[in-house]
Amino acid sequence: MNTVGNIAGPLLAYEVLTAFSLKRVSWASCSGLKRVGHRWHTVATLLVAIGTSLSAFWILALNSWMQTPAGFEMRQSVDGHWAAHVVDWSAVIFNPSFPYRLRRMLGASA
């Protein structure tokens, strides 16, 4: 992480935000059908599905970037340590292996 933390850190942070804010709050509502009613239960179920898909998006973006890195350059710091720095976030996220990995993961989970 010392070398690629500038890229992996934000992608994992986005995943945590979607996983723990959207999914967890909605999941709690899904479990109490008698307490919240059918309409909110359906909305909460859809929010869980959206949150899970967004979570998969960010995890696969990082995993795909690790397999086919793009959109970064290596820079040396004053102390001689090399680290990856983002040049183009869209290239980092939508790297060459990302589209087919995401399509395959969402298809398998449907």
PDB file of N, CA and C in Angstrom:
ATOM      1  N   MET A   1       0.818  -1.186   0.000  1.00  0.00           N
ATOM      2  CA  MET A   1       0.000   0.000   0.000  1.00  0.00           C
ATOM      3  C   MET A   1       0.866   1.256   0.000  1.00  0.00           C
ATOM      4  N   ASN A   2       2.109   1.142   0.428  1.00  0.00           N
ATOM      5  CA  ASN A   2       2.982   2.318   0.370  1.00  0.00           C
ATOM      6  C   ASN A   2       3.174   2.778  -1.071  1.00  0.00           C
ATOM      7  N   THR A   3       3.155   1.848  -1.991  1.00  0.00           N
ATOM      8  CA  THR A   3       3.405   2.192  -3.393  1.00  0.00           C
ATOM      9  C   THR A   3       2.139   2.579  -4.130  1.00  0.00           C
ATOM     10  N   VAL A   4       1.044   1.891  -3.921  1.00  0.00           N
ATOM     11  CA  VAL A   4      -0.185   2.146  -4.687  1.00  0.00           C
ATOM     12  C   VAL A   4      -1.329   2.686  -3.835  1.00  0.00           C
ATOM     13  N   GLY A   5      -1.051   3.102  -2.626  1.00  0.00           N
ATOM     14  CA  GLY A   5      -2.089   3.605  -1.728  1.00  0.00           C
ATOM     15  C   GLY A   5      -2.813   4.833  -2.244  1.00  0.00           C
ATOM     16  N   ASN A   6      -2.143   5.657  -3.062  1.00  0.00           N
ATOM     17  CA  ASN A   6      -2.787   6.842  -3.629  1.00  0.00           C
ATOM     18  C   ASN A   6      -3.924   6.470  -4.577  1.00  0.00           C
ATOM     19  N   ILE A   7      -3.894   5.265  -5.097  1.00  0.00           N
ATOM     20  CA  ILE A   7      -4.937   4.800  -6.013  1.00  0.00           C
ATOM     21  C   ILE A   7      -5.898   3.855  -5.291  1.00  0.00           C
ATOM     22  N   ALA A   8      -5.352   2.889  -4.560  1.00  0.00           N
ATOM     23  CA  ALA A   8      -6.192   1.900  -3.889  1.00  0.00           C
ATOM     24  C   ALA A   8      -7.012   2.516  -2.764  1.00  0.00           C
ATOM     25  N   GLY A   9      -6.454   3.475  -2.055  1.00  0.00           N
ATOM     26  CA  GLY A   9      -7.151   4.090  -0.923  1.00  0.00           C
ATOM     27  C   GLY A   9      -8.484   4.725  -1.293  1.00  0.00           C
ATOM     28  N   PRO A  10      -8.518   5.642  -2.273  1.00  0.00           N
ATOM     29  CA  PRO A  10      -9.798   6.237  -2.642  1.00  0.00           C
ATOM     30  C   PRO A  10     -10.813   5.224  -3.180  1.00  0.00           C
ATOM     31  N   LEU A  11     -10.359   4.253  -3.972  1.00  0.00           N
ATOM     32  CA  LEU A  11     -11.290   3.262  -4.509  1.00  0.00           C
ATOM     33  C   LEU A  11     -11.893   2.420  -3.395  1.00  0.00           C
ATOM     34  N   LEU A  12     -11.084   2.031  -2.412  1.00  0.00           N
ATOM     35  CA  LEU A  12     -11.618   1.277  -1.277  1.00  0.00           C
ATOM     36  C   LEU A  12     -12.521   2.145  -0.409  1.00  0.00           C
ATOM     37  N   ALA A  13     -12.205   3.423  -0.291  1.00  0.00           N
ATOM     38  CA  ALA A  13     -13.058   4.323   0.486  1.00  0.00           C
ATOM     39  C   ALA A  13     -14.437   4.452  -0.156  1.00  0.00           C
ATOM     40  N   TYR A  14     -14.498   4.553  -1.470  1.00  0.00           N
ATOM     41  CA  TYR A  14     -15.789   4.622  -2.154  1.00  0.00           C
ATOM     42  C   TYR A  14     -16.580   3.333  -1.931  1.00  0.00           C
ATOM     43  N   GLU A  15     -15.888   2.214  -1.936  1.00  0.00           N
ATOM     44  CA  GLU A  15     -16.561   0.938  -1.718  1.00  0.00           C
ATOM     45  C   GLU A  15     -17.130   0.885  -0.308  1.00  0.00           C
ATOM     46  N   VAL A  16     -16.366   1.328   0.668  1.00  0.00           N
ATOM     47  CA  VAL A  16     -16.828   1.316   2.056  1.00  0.00           C
ATOM     48  C   VAL A  16     -18.037   2.238   2.218  1.00  0.00           C
ATOM     49  N   LEU A  17     -17.996   3.396   1.577  1.00  0.00           N
ATOM     50  CA  LEU A  17     -19.133   4.314   1.670  1.00  0.00           C
ATOM     51  C   LEU A  17     -20.409   3.683   1.140  1.00  0.00           C
ATOM     52  N   THR A  18     -20.323   3.029  -0.015  1.00  0.00           N
ATOM     53  CA  THR A  18     -21.525   2.409  -0.570  1.00  0.00           C
ATOM     54  C   THR A  18     -21.934   1.190   0.237  1.00  0.00           C
ATOM     55  N   ALA A  19     -20.963   0.419   0.705  1.00  0.00           N
ATOM     56  CA  ALA A  19     -21.293  -0.805   1.433  1.00  0.00           C
ATOM     57  C   ALA A  19     -21.931  -0.505   2.774  1.00  0.00           C
ATOM     58  N   PHE A  20     -21.367   0.430   3.507  1.00  0.00           N
ATOM     59  CA  PHE A  20     -21.823   0.617   4.879  1.00  0.00           C
ATOM     60  C   PHE A  20     -22.888   1.689   5.040  1.00  0.00           C
ATOM     61  N   SER A  21     -23.001   2.594   4.117  1.00  0.00           N
ATOM     62  CA  SER A  21     -24.059   3.585   4.284  1.00  0.00           C
ATOM     63  C   SER A  21     -25.339   3.149   3.589  1.00  0.00           C
ATOM     64  N   LEU A  22     -25.287   2.914   2.303  1.00  0.00           N
ATOM     65  CA  LEU A  22     -26.497   2.596   1.550  1.00  0.00           C
ATOM     66  C   LEU A  22     -27.015   1.191   1.855  1.00  0.00           C
ATOM     67  N   LYS A  23     -26.145   0.207   1.804  1.00  0.00           N
ATOM     68  CA  LYS A  23     -26.590  -1.170   1.995  1.00  0.00           C
ATOM     69  C   LYS A  23     -27.042  -1.453   3.420  1.00  0.00           C
ATOM     70  N   ARG A  24     -26.269  -1.037   4.395  1.00  0.00           N
ATOM     71  CA  ARG A  24     -26.587  -1.397   5.783  1.00  0.00           C
ATOM     72  C   ARG A  24     -27.861  -0.726   6.277  1.00  0.00           C
ATOM     73  N   VAL A  25     -28.031   0.533   5.969  1.00  0.00           N
ATOM     74  CA  VAL A  25     -29.248   1.222   6.394  1.00  0.00           C
ATOM     75  C   VAL A  25     -30.467   0.590   5.728  1.00  0.00           C
ATOM     76  N   SER A  26     -30.352   0.313   4.447  1.00  0.00           N
ATOM     77  CA  SER A  26     -31.472  -0.283   3.729  1.00  0.00           C
ATOM     78  C   SER A  26     -31.743  -1.712   4.188  1.00  0.00           C
ATOM     79  N   TRP A  27     -30.697  -2.465   4.472  1.00  0.00           N
ATOM     80  CA  TRP A  27     -30.859  -3.850   4.879  1.00  0.00           C
ATOM     81  C   TRP A  27     -31.619  -3.935   6.198  1.00  0.00           C
ATOM     82  N   ALA A  28     -31.367  -3.002   7.086  1.00  0.00           N
ATOM     83  CA  ALA A  28     -32.086  -2.994   8.358  1.00  0.00           C
ATOM     84  C   ALA A  28     -33.580  -2.804   8.126  1.00  0.00           C
ATOM     85  N   SER A  29     -33.938  -2.011   7.132  1.00  0.00           N
ATOM     86  CA  SER A  29     -35.356  -1.796   6.830  1.00  0.00           C
ATOM     87  C   SER A  29     -35.980  -3.019   6.169  1.00  0.00           C
ATOM     88  N   CYS A  30     -35.193  -3.758   5.420  1.00  0.00           N
ATOM     89  CA  CYS A  30     -35.722  -4.943   4.738  1.00  0.00           C
ATOM     90  C   CYS A  30     -36.140  -6.025   5.723  1.00  0.00           C
ATOM     91  N   SER A  31     -35.465  -6.086   6.850  1.00  0.00           N
ATOM     92  CA  SER A  31     -35.737  -7.179   7.778  1.00  0.00           C
ATOM     93  C   SER A  31     -37.026  -6.989   8.578  1.00  0.00           C
ATOM     94  N   GLY A  32     -37.587  -5.781   8.593  1.00  0.00           N
ATOM     95  CA  GLY A  32     -38.789  -5.552   9.385  1.00  0.00           C
ATOM     96  C   GLY A  32     -40.008  -5.265   8.543  1.00  0.00           C
ATOM     97  N   LEU A  33     -40.457  -6.222   7.763  1.00  0.00           N
ATOM     98  CA  LEU A  33     -41.593  -6.026   6.866  1.00  0.00           C
ATOM     99  C   LEU A  33     -42.846  -5.576   7.612  1.00  0.00           C
ATOM    100  N   LYS A  34     -43.124  -6.156   8.766  1.00  0.00           N
ATOM    101  CA  LYS A  34     -44.332  -5.802   9.511  1.00  0.00           C
ATOM    102  C   LYS A  34     -44.245  -4.384  10.080  1.00  0.00           C
ATOM    103  N   ARG A  35     -43.025  -3.903  10.309  1.00  0.00           N
ATOM    104  CA  ARG A  35     -42.852  -2.578  10.908  1.00  0.00           C
ATOM    105  C   ARG A  35     -42.862  -1.449   9.890  1.00  0.00           C
ATOM    106  N   VAL A  36     -42.384  -1.698   8.680  1.00  0.00           N
ATOM    107  CA  VAL A  36     -42.219  -0.609   7.707  1.00  0.00           C
ATOM    108  C   VAL A  36     -43.225  -0.630   6.574  1.00  0.00           C
ATOM    109  N   GLY A  37     -43.897  -1.694   6.342  1.00  0.00           N
ATOM    110  CA  GLY A  37     -44.876  -1.769   5.259  1.00  0.00           C
ATOM    111  C   GLY A  37     -44.253  -2.234   3.955  1.00  0.00           C
ATOM    112  N   HIS A  38     -45.120  -2.622   3.040  1.00  0.00           N
ATOM    113  CA  HIS A  38     -44.665  -3.210   1.779  1.00  0.00           C
ATOM    114  C   HIS A  38     -43.951  -2.211   0.875  1.00  0.00           C
ATOM    115  N   ARG A  39     -44.433  -0.995   0.808  1.00  0.00           N
ATOM    116  CA  ARG A  39     -43.824  -0.009  -0.098  1.00  0.00           C
ATOM    117  C   ARG A  39     -42.382   0.295   0.320  1.00  0.00           C
ATOM    118  N   TRP A  40     -42.155   0.621   1.594  1.00  0.00           N
ATOM    119  CA  TRP A  40     -40.791   0.917   2.041  1.00  0.00           C
ATOM    120  C   TRP A  40     -39.917  -0.333   1.967  1.00  0.00           C
ATOM    121  N   HIS A  41     -40.490  -1.495   2.225  1.00  0.00           N
ATOM    122  CA  HIS A  41     -39.732  -2.739   2.117  1.00  0.00           C
ATOM    123  C   HIS A  41     -39.220  -2.932   0.694  1.00  0.00           C
ATOM    124  N   THR A  42     -40.061  -2.647  -0.298  1.00  0.00           N
ATOM    125  CA  THR A  42     -39.644  -2.750  -1.702  1.00  0.00           C
ATOM    126  C   THR A  42     -38.567  -1.730  -2.034  1.00  0.00           C
ATOM    127  N   VAL A  43     -38.730  -0.498  -1.585  1.00  0.00           N
ATOM    128  CA  VAL A  43     -37.720   0.543  -1.821  1.00  0.00           C
ATOM    129  C   VAL A  43     -36.398   0.153  -1.162  1.00  0.00           C
ATOM    130  N   ALA A  44     -36.451  -0.333   0.070  1.00  0.00           N
ATOM    131  CA  ALA A  44     -35.238  -0.734   0.770  1.00  0.00           C
ATOM    132  C   ALA A  44     -34.548  -1.894   0.066  1.00  0.00           C
ATOM    133  N   THR A  45     -35.331  -2.826  -0.458  1.00  0.00           N
ATOM    134  CA  THR A  45     -34.754  -3.949  -1.202  1.00  0.00           C
ATOM    135  C   THR A  45     -34.044  -3.459  -2.451  1.00  0.00           C
ATOM    136  N   LEU A  46     -34.645  -2.516  -3.154  1.00  0.00           N
ATOM    137  CA  LEU A  46     -33.994  -1.948  -4.340  1.00  0.00           C
ATOM    138  C   LEU A  46     -32.720  -1.190  -3.960  1.00  0.00           C
ATOM    139  N   LEU A  47     -32.738  -0.473  -2.836  1.00  0.00           N
ATOM    140  CA  LEU A  47     -31.543   0.239  -2.389  1.00  0.00           C
ATOM    141  C   LEU A  47     -30.417  -0.724  -2.021  1.00  0.00           C
ATOM    142  N   VAL A  48     -30.752  -1.860  -1.443  1.00  0.00           N
ATOM    143  CA  VAL A  48     -29.739  -2.872  -1.147  1.00  0.00           C
ATOM    144  C   VAL A  48     -29.128  -3.388  -2.448  1.00  0.00           C
ATOM    145  N   ALA A  49     -29.961  -3.649  -3.453  1.00  0.00           N
ATOM    146  CA  ALA A  49     -29.454  -4.126  -4.744  1.00  0.00           C
ATOM    147  C   ALA A  49     -28.556  -3.075  -5.404  1.00  0.00           C
ATOM    148  N   ILE A  50     -28.957  -1.820  -5.347  1.00  0.00           N
ATOM    149  CA  ILE A  50     -28.138  -0.744  -5.929  1.00  0.00           C
ATOM    150  C   ILE A  50     -26.839  -0.593  -5.153  1.00  0.00           C
ATOM    151  N   GLY A  51     -26.909  -0.620  -3.826  1.00  0.00           N
ATOM    152  CA  GLY A  51     -25.711  -0.500  -3.005  1.00  0.00           C
ATOM    153  C   GLY A  51     -24.739  -1.641  -3.231  1.00  0.00           C
ATOM    154  N   THR A  52     -25.262  -2.847  -3.367  1.00  0.00           N
ATOM    155  CA  THR A  52     -24.409  -4.004  -3.636  1.00  0.00           C
ATOM    156  C   THR A  52     -23.750  -3.886  -5.006  1.00  0.00           C
ATOM    157  N   SER A  53     -24.484  -3.414  -5.983  1.00  0.00           N
ATOM    158  CA  SER A  53     -23.918  -3.238  -7.330  1.00  0.00           C
ATOM    159  C   SER A  53     -22.842  -2.156  -7.337  1.00  0.00           C
ATOM    160  N   LEU A  54     -23.079  -1.053  -6.621  1.00  0.00           N
ATOM    161  CA  LEU A  54     -22.052  -0.003  -6.529  1.00  0.00           C
ATOM    162  C   LEU A  54     -20.823  -0.490  -5.782  1.00  0.00           C
ATOM    163  N   SER A  55     -21.032  -1.275  -4.750  1.00  0.00           N
ATOM    164  CA  SER A  55     -19.921  -1.853  -4.012  1.00  0.00           C
ATOM    165  C   SER A  55     -19.092  -2.759  -4.928  1.00  0.00           C
ATOM    166  N   ALA A  56     -19.769  -3.589  -5.704  1.00  0.00           N
ATOM    167  CA  ALA A  56     -19.072  -4.455  -6.658  1.00  0.00           C
ATOM    168  C   ALA A  56     -18.331  -3.629  -7.698  1.00  0.00           C
ATOM    169  N   PHE A  57     -18.919  -2.523  -8.141  1.00  0.00           N
ATOM    170  CA  PHE A  57     -18.287  -1.633  -9.109  1.00  0.00           C
ATOM    171  C   PHE A  57     -16.925  -1.174  -8.598  1.00  0.00           C
ATOM    172  N   TRP A  58     -16.880  -0.668  -7.357  1.00  0.00           N
ATOM    173  CA  TRP A  58     -15.617  -0.131  -6.832  1.00  0.00           C
ATOM    174  C   TRP A  58     -14.596  -1.217  -6.533  1.00  0.00           C
ATOM    175  N   ILE A  59     -15.051  -2.356  -6.024  1.00  0.00           N
ATOM    176  CA  ILE A  59     -14.117  -3.461  -5.771  1.00  0.00           C
ATOM    177  C   ILE A  59     -13.527  -3.958  -7.076  1.00  0.00           C
ATOM    178  N   LEU A  60     -14.360  -4.105  -8.090  1.00  0.00           N
ATOM    179  CA  LEU A  60     -13.865  -4.574  -9.388  1.00  0.00           C
ATOM    180  C   LEU A  60     -13.005  -3.528 -10.076  1.00  0.00           C
ATOM    181  N   ALA A  61     -13.285  -2.245  -9.854  1.00  0.00           N
ATOM    182  CA  ALA A  61     -12.425  -1.201 -10.421  1.00  0.00           C
ATOM    183  C   ALA A  61     -11.019  -1.337  -9.869  1.00  0.00           C
ATOM    184  N   LEU A  62     -10.894  -1.538  -8.564  1.00  0.00           N
ATOM    185  CA  LEU A  62      -9.569  -1.701  -7.962  1.00  0.00           C
ATOM    186  C   LEU A  62      -8.916  -3.001  -8.410  1.00  0.00           C
ATOM    187  N   ASN A  63      -9.664  -4.101  -8.369  1.00  0.00           N
ATOM    188  CA  ASN A  63      -9.092  -5.378  -8.773  1.00  0.00           C
ATOM    189  C   ASN A  63      -8.666  -5.363 -10.234  1.00  0.00           C
ATOM    190  N   SER A  64      -9.468  -4.774 -11.092  1.00  0.00           N
ATOM    191  CA  SER A  64      -9.117  -4.705 -12.507  1.00  0.00           C
ATOM    192  C   SER A  64      -7.908  -3.810 -12.713  1.00  0.00           C
ATOM    193  N   TRP A  65      -7.825  -2.723 -11.958  1.00  0.00           N
ATOM    194  CA  TRP A  65      -6.662  -1.842 -12.085  1.00  0.00           C
ATOM    195  C   TRP A  65      -5.389  -2.571 -11.665  1.00  0.00           C
ATOM    196  N   MET A  66      -5.487  -3.427 -10.651  1.00  0.00           N
ATOM    197  CA  MET A  66      -4.307  -4.185 -10.226  1.00  0.00           C
ATOM    198  C   MET A  66      -3.876  -5.184 -11.295  1.00  0.00           C
ATOM    199  N   GLN A  67      -4.830  -5.679 -12.092  1.00  0.00           N
ATOM    200  CA  GLN A  67      -4.498  -6.638 -13.145  1.00  0.00           C
ATOM    201  C   GLN A  67      -4.023  -5.950 -14.419  1.00  0.00           C
ATOM    202  N   THR A  68      -4.641  -4.837 -14.776  1.00  0.00           N
ATOM    203  CA  THR A  68      -4.259  -4.082 -15.980  1.00  0.00           C
ATOM    204  C   THR A  68      -4.160  -2.599 -15.624  1.00  0.00           C
ATOM    205  N   PRO A  69      -3.075  -2.205 -14.955  1.00  0.00           N
ATOM    206  CA  PRO A  69      -2.961  -0.816 -14.487  1.00  0.00           C
ATOM    207  C   PRO A  69      -2.909   0.187 -15.630  1.00  0.00           C
ATOM    208  N   ALA A  70      -3.592   1.314 -15.426  1.00  0.00           N
ATOM    209  CA  ALA A  70      -3.632   2.393 -16.419  1.00  0.00           C
ATOM    210  C   ALA A  70      -3.927   3.698 -15.689  1.00  0.00           C
ATOM    211  N   GLY A  71      -3.576   4.818 -16.310  1.00  0.00           N
ATOM    212  CA  GLY A  71      -3.936   6.130 -15.796  1.00  0.00           C
ATOM    213  C   GLY A  71      -3.105   6.623 -14.631  1.00  0.00           C
ATOM    214  N   PHE A  72      -1.893   6.150 -14.488  1.00  0.00           N
ATOM    215  CA  PHE A  72      -1.040   6.574 -13.379  1.00  0.00           C
ATOM    216  C   PHE A  72       0.406   6.708 -13.864  1.00  0.00           C
ATOM    217  N   GLU A  73       1.203   7.323 -13.023  1.00  0.00           N
ATOM    218  CA  GLU A  73       2.645   7.374 -13.273  1.00  0.00           C
ATOM    219  C   GLU A  73       3.358   7.186 -11.938  1.00  0.00           C
ATOM    220  N   MET A  74       4.555   6.642 -12.016  1.00  0.00           N
ATOM    221  CA  MET A  74       5.361   6.437 -10.818  1.00  0.00           C
ATOM    222  C   MET A  74       6.212   7.675 -10.585  1.00  0.00           C
ATOM    223  N   ARG A  75       6.223   8.166  -9.337  1.00  0.00           N
ATOM    224  CA  ARG A  75       7.034   9.324  -8.968  1.00  0.00           C
ATOM    225  C   ARG A  75       7.860   8.972  -7.738  1.00  0.00           C
ATOM    226  N   GLN A  76       9.039   9.533  -7.704  1.00  0.00           N
ATOM    227  CA  GLN A  76       9.925   9.304  -6.580  1.00  0.00           C
ATOM    228  C   GLN A  76       9.837  10.489  -5.612  1.00  0.00           C
ATOM    229  N   SER A  77       9.701  10.182  -4.328  1.00  0.00           N
ATOM    230  CA  SER A  77       9.614  11.248  -3.330  1.00  0.00           C
ATOM    231  C   SER A  77      11.014  11.685  -2.920  1.00  0.00           C
ATOM    232  N   VAL A  78      11.083  12.656  -2.048  1.00  0.00           N
ATOM    233  CA  VAL A  78      12.365  13.197  -1.589  1.00  0.00           C
ATOM    234  C   VAL A  78      13.197  12.133  -0.880  1.00  0.00           C
ATOM    235  N   ASP A  79      12.525  11.242  -0.155  1.00  0.00           N
ATOM    236  CA  ASP A  79      13.258  10.197   0.572  1.00  0.00           C
ATOM    237  C   ASP A  79      13.604   8.985  -0.294  1.00  0.00           C
ATOM    238  N   GLY A  80      13.300   9.054  -1.580  1.00  0.00           N
ATOM    239  CA  GLY A  80      13.651   7.983  -2.507  1.00  0.00           C
ATOM    240  C   GLY A  80      12.591   6.915  -2.679  1.00  0.00           C
ATOM    241  N   HIS A  81      11.466   7.050  -2.036  1.00  0.00           N
ATOM    242  CA  HIS A  81      10.378   6.071  -2.128  1.00  0.00           C
ATOM    243  C   HIS A  81       9.575   6.307  -3.409  1.00  0.00           C
ATOM    244  N   TRP A  82       9.305   5.228  -4.142  1.00  0.00           N
ATOM    245  CA  TRP A  82       8.493   5.325  -5.365  1.00  0.00           C
ATOM    246  C   TRP A  82       7.031   5.077  -5.027  1.00  0.00           C
ATOM    247  N   ALA A  83       6.157   5.880  -5.632  1.00  0.00           N
ATOM    248  CA  ALA A  83       4.722   5.723  -5.404  1.00  0.00           C
ATOM    249  C   ALA A  83       3.959   6.022  -6.689  1.00  0.00           C
ATOM    250  N   ALA A  84       2.823   5.347  -6.841  1.00  0.00           N
ATOM    251  CA  ALA A  84       1.955   5.570  -7.995  1.00  0.00           C
ATOM    252  C   ALA A  84       1.090   6.800  -7.737  1.00  0.00           C
ATOM    253  N   HIS A  85       0.989   7.668  -8.740  1.00  0.00           N
ATOM    254  CA  HIS A  85       0.151   8.865  -8.655  1.00  0.00           C
ATOM    255  C   HIS A  85      -0.793   8.882  -9.851  1.00  0.00           C
ATOM    256  N   VAL A  86      -2.046   9.214  -9.581  1.00  0.00           N
ATOM    257  CA  VAL A  86      -3.073   9.210 -10.623  1.00  0.00           C
ATOM    258  C   VAL A  86      -2.844  10.353 -11.594  1.00  0.00           C
ATOM    259  N   VAL A  87      -2.918  10.019 -12.878  1.00  0.00           N
ATOM    260  CA  VAL A  87      -2.868  11.013 -13.941  1.00  0.00           C
ATOM    261  C   VAL A  87      -4.271  11.220 -14.507  1.00  0.00           C
ATOM    262  N   ASP A  88      -5.044  10.119 -14.604  1.00  0.00           N
ATOM    263  CA  ASP A  88      -6.389  10.163 -15.174  1.00  0.00           C
ATOM    264  C   ASP A  88      -7.275   9.156 -14.444  1.00  0.00           C
ATOM    265  N   TRP A  89      -8.194   9.662 -13.610  1.00  0.00           N
ATOM    266  CA  TRP A  89      -9.057   8.770 -12.833  1.00  0.00           C
ATOM    267  C   TRP A  89      -9.953   7.908 -13.720  1.00  0.00           C
ATOM    268  N   SER A  90     -10.420   8.445 -14.818  1.00  0.00           N
ATOM    269  CA  SER A  90     -11.284   7.628 -15.681  1.00  0.00           C
ATOM    270  C   SER A  90     -10.503   6.459 -16.271  1.00  0.00           C
ATOM    271  N   ALA A  91      -9.231   6.657 -16.554  1.00  0.00           N
ATOM    272  CA  ALA A  91      -8.402   5.555 -17.051  1.00  0.00           C
ATOM    273  C   ALA A  91      -8.122   4.537 -15.947  1.00  0.00           C
ATOM    274  N   VAL A  92      -7.988   5.006 -14.718  1.00  0.00           N
ATOM    275  CA  VAL A  92      -7.787   4.093 -13.594  1.00  0.00           C
ATOM    276  C   VAL A  92      -9.031   3.238 -13.388  1.00  0.00           C
ATOM    277  N   ILE A  93     -10.198   3.879 -13.361  1.00  0.00           N
ATOM    278  CA  ILE A  93     -11.436   3.153 -13.077  1.00  0.00           C
ATOM    279  C   ILE A  93     -11.858   2.278 -14.251  1.00  0.00           C
ATOM    280  N   PHE A  94     -11.864   2.831 -15.437  1.00  0.00           N
ATOM    281  CA  PHE A  94     -12.316   2.088 -16.621  1.00  0.00           C
ATOM    282  C   PHE A  94     -11.117   1.556 -17.395  1.00  0.00           C
ATOM    283  N   ASN A  95     -10.262   0.819 -16.699  1.00  0.00           N
ATOM    284  CA  ASN A  95      -9.075   0.228 -17.328  1.00  0.00           C
ATOM    285  C   ASN A  95      -9.483  -0.896 -18.268  1.00  0.00           C
ATOM    286  N   PRO A  96      -8.553  -1.419 -19.050  1.00  0.00           N
ATOM    287  CA  PRO A  96      -8.925  -2.389 -20.103  1.00  0.00           C
ATOM    288  C   PRO A  96      -9.701  -3.621 -19.639  1.00  0.00           C
ATOM    289  N   SER A  97      -9.443  -4.129 -18.447  1.00  0.00           N
ATOM    290  CA  SER A  97     -10.136  -5.358 -18.040  1.00  0.00           C
ATOM    291  C   SER A  97     -11.407  -5.107 -17.235  1.00  0.00           C
ATOM    292  N   PHE A  98     -11.714  -3.857 -16.911  1.00  0.00           N
ATOM    293  CA  PHE A  98     -12.865  -3.557 -16.059  1.00  0.00           C
ATOM    294  C   PHE A  98     -14.219  -3.876 -16.694  1.00  0.00           C
ATOM    295  N   PRO A  99     -14.494  -3.451 -17.928  1.00  0.00           N
ATOM    296  CA  PRO A  99     -15.856  -3.653 -18.461  1.00  0.00           C
ATOM    297  C   PRO A  99     -16.314  -5.112 -18.471  1.00  0.00           C
ATOM    298  N   TYR A 100     -15.465  -6.012 -18.939  1.00  0.00           N
ATOM    299  CA  TYR A 100     -15.926  -7.405 -18.996  1.00  0.00           C
ATOM    300  C   TYR A 100     -15.986  -8.033 -17.611  1.00  0.00           C
ATOM    301  N   ARG A 101     -15.148  -7.612 -16.681  1.00  0.00           N
ATOM    302  CA  ARG A 101     -15.229  -8.134 -15.307  1.00  0.00           C
ATOM    303  C   ARG A 101     -16.529  -7.687 -14.632  1.00  0.00           C
ATOM    304  N   LEU A 102     -16.874  -6.416 -14.799  1.00  0.00           N
ATOM    305  CA  LEU A 102     -18.112  -5.912 -14.189  1.00  0.00           C
ATOM    306  C   LEU A 102     -19.335  -6.570 -14.810  1.00  0.00           C
ATOM    307  N   ARG A 103     -19.337  -6.683 -16.116  1.00  0.00           N
ATOM    308  CA  ARG A 103     -20.465  -7.316 -16.800  1.00  0.00           C
ATOM    309  C   ARG A 103     -20.634  -8.754 -16.321  1.00  0.00           C
ATOM    310  N   ARG A 104     -19.533  -9.451 -16.171  1.00  0.00           N
ATOM    311  CA  ARG A 104     -19.583 -10.836 -15.748  1.00  0.00           C
ATOM    312  C   ARG A 104     -20.058 -10.974 -14.293  1.00  0.00           C
ATOM    313  N   MET A 105     -19.572 -10.083 -13.427  1.00  0.00           N
ATOM    314  CA  MET A 105     -19.961 -10.137 -12.023  1.00  0.00           C
ATOM    315  C   MET A 105     -21.443  -9.804 -11.842  1.00  0.00           C
ATOM    316  N   LEU A 106     -21.923  -8.759 -12.494  1.00  0.00           N
ATOM    317  CA  LEU A 106     -23.330  -8.389 -12.358  1.00  0.00           C
ATOM    318  C   LEU A 106     -24.238  -9.433 -12.994  1.00  0.00           C
ATOM    319  N   GLY A 107     -23.783 -10.031 -14.091  1.00  0.00           N
ATOM    320  CA  GLY A 107     -24.554 -11.115 -14.710  1.00  0.00           C
ATOM    321  C   GLY A 107     -24.634 -12.343 -13.815  1.00  0.00           C
ATOM    322  N   ALA A 108     -23.550 -12.643 -13.140  1.00  0.00           N
ATOM    323  CA  ALA A 108     -23.539 -13.816 -12.256  1.00  0.00           C
ATOM    324  C   ALA A 108     -24.388 -13.586 -11.016  1.00  0.00           C
ATOM    325  N   SER A 109     -24.497 -12.338 -10.594  1.00  0.00           N
ATOM    326  CA  SER A 109     -25.273 -12.080  -9.370  1.00  0.00           C
ATOM    327  C   SER A 109     -26.759 -11.872  -9.642  1.00  0.00           C
ATOM    328  N   ALA A 110     -27.143 -11.781 -10.896  1.00  0.00           N
ATOM    329  CA  ALA A 110     -28.560 -11.512 -11.221  1.00  0.00           C
ATOM    330  C   ALA A 110     -29.425 -12.737 -11.051  1.00  0.00           C
TER     331      ALA A 110
END
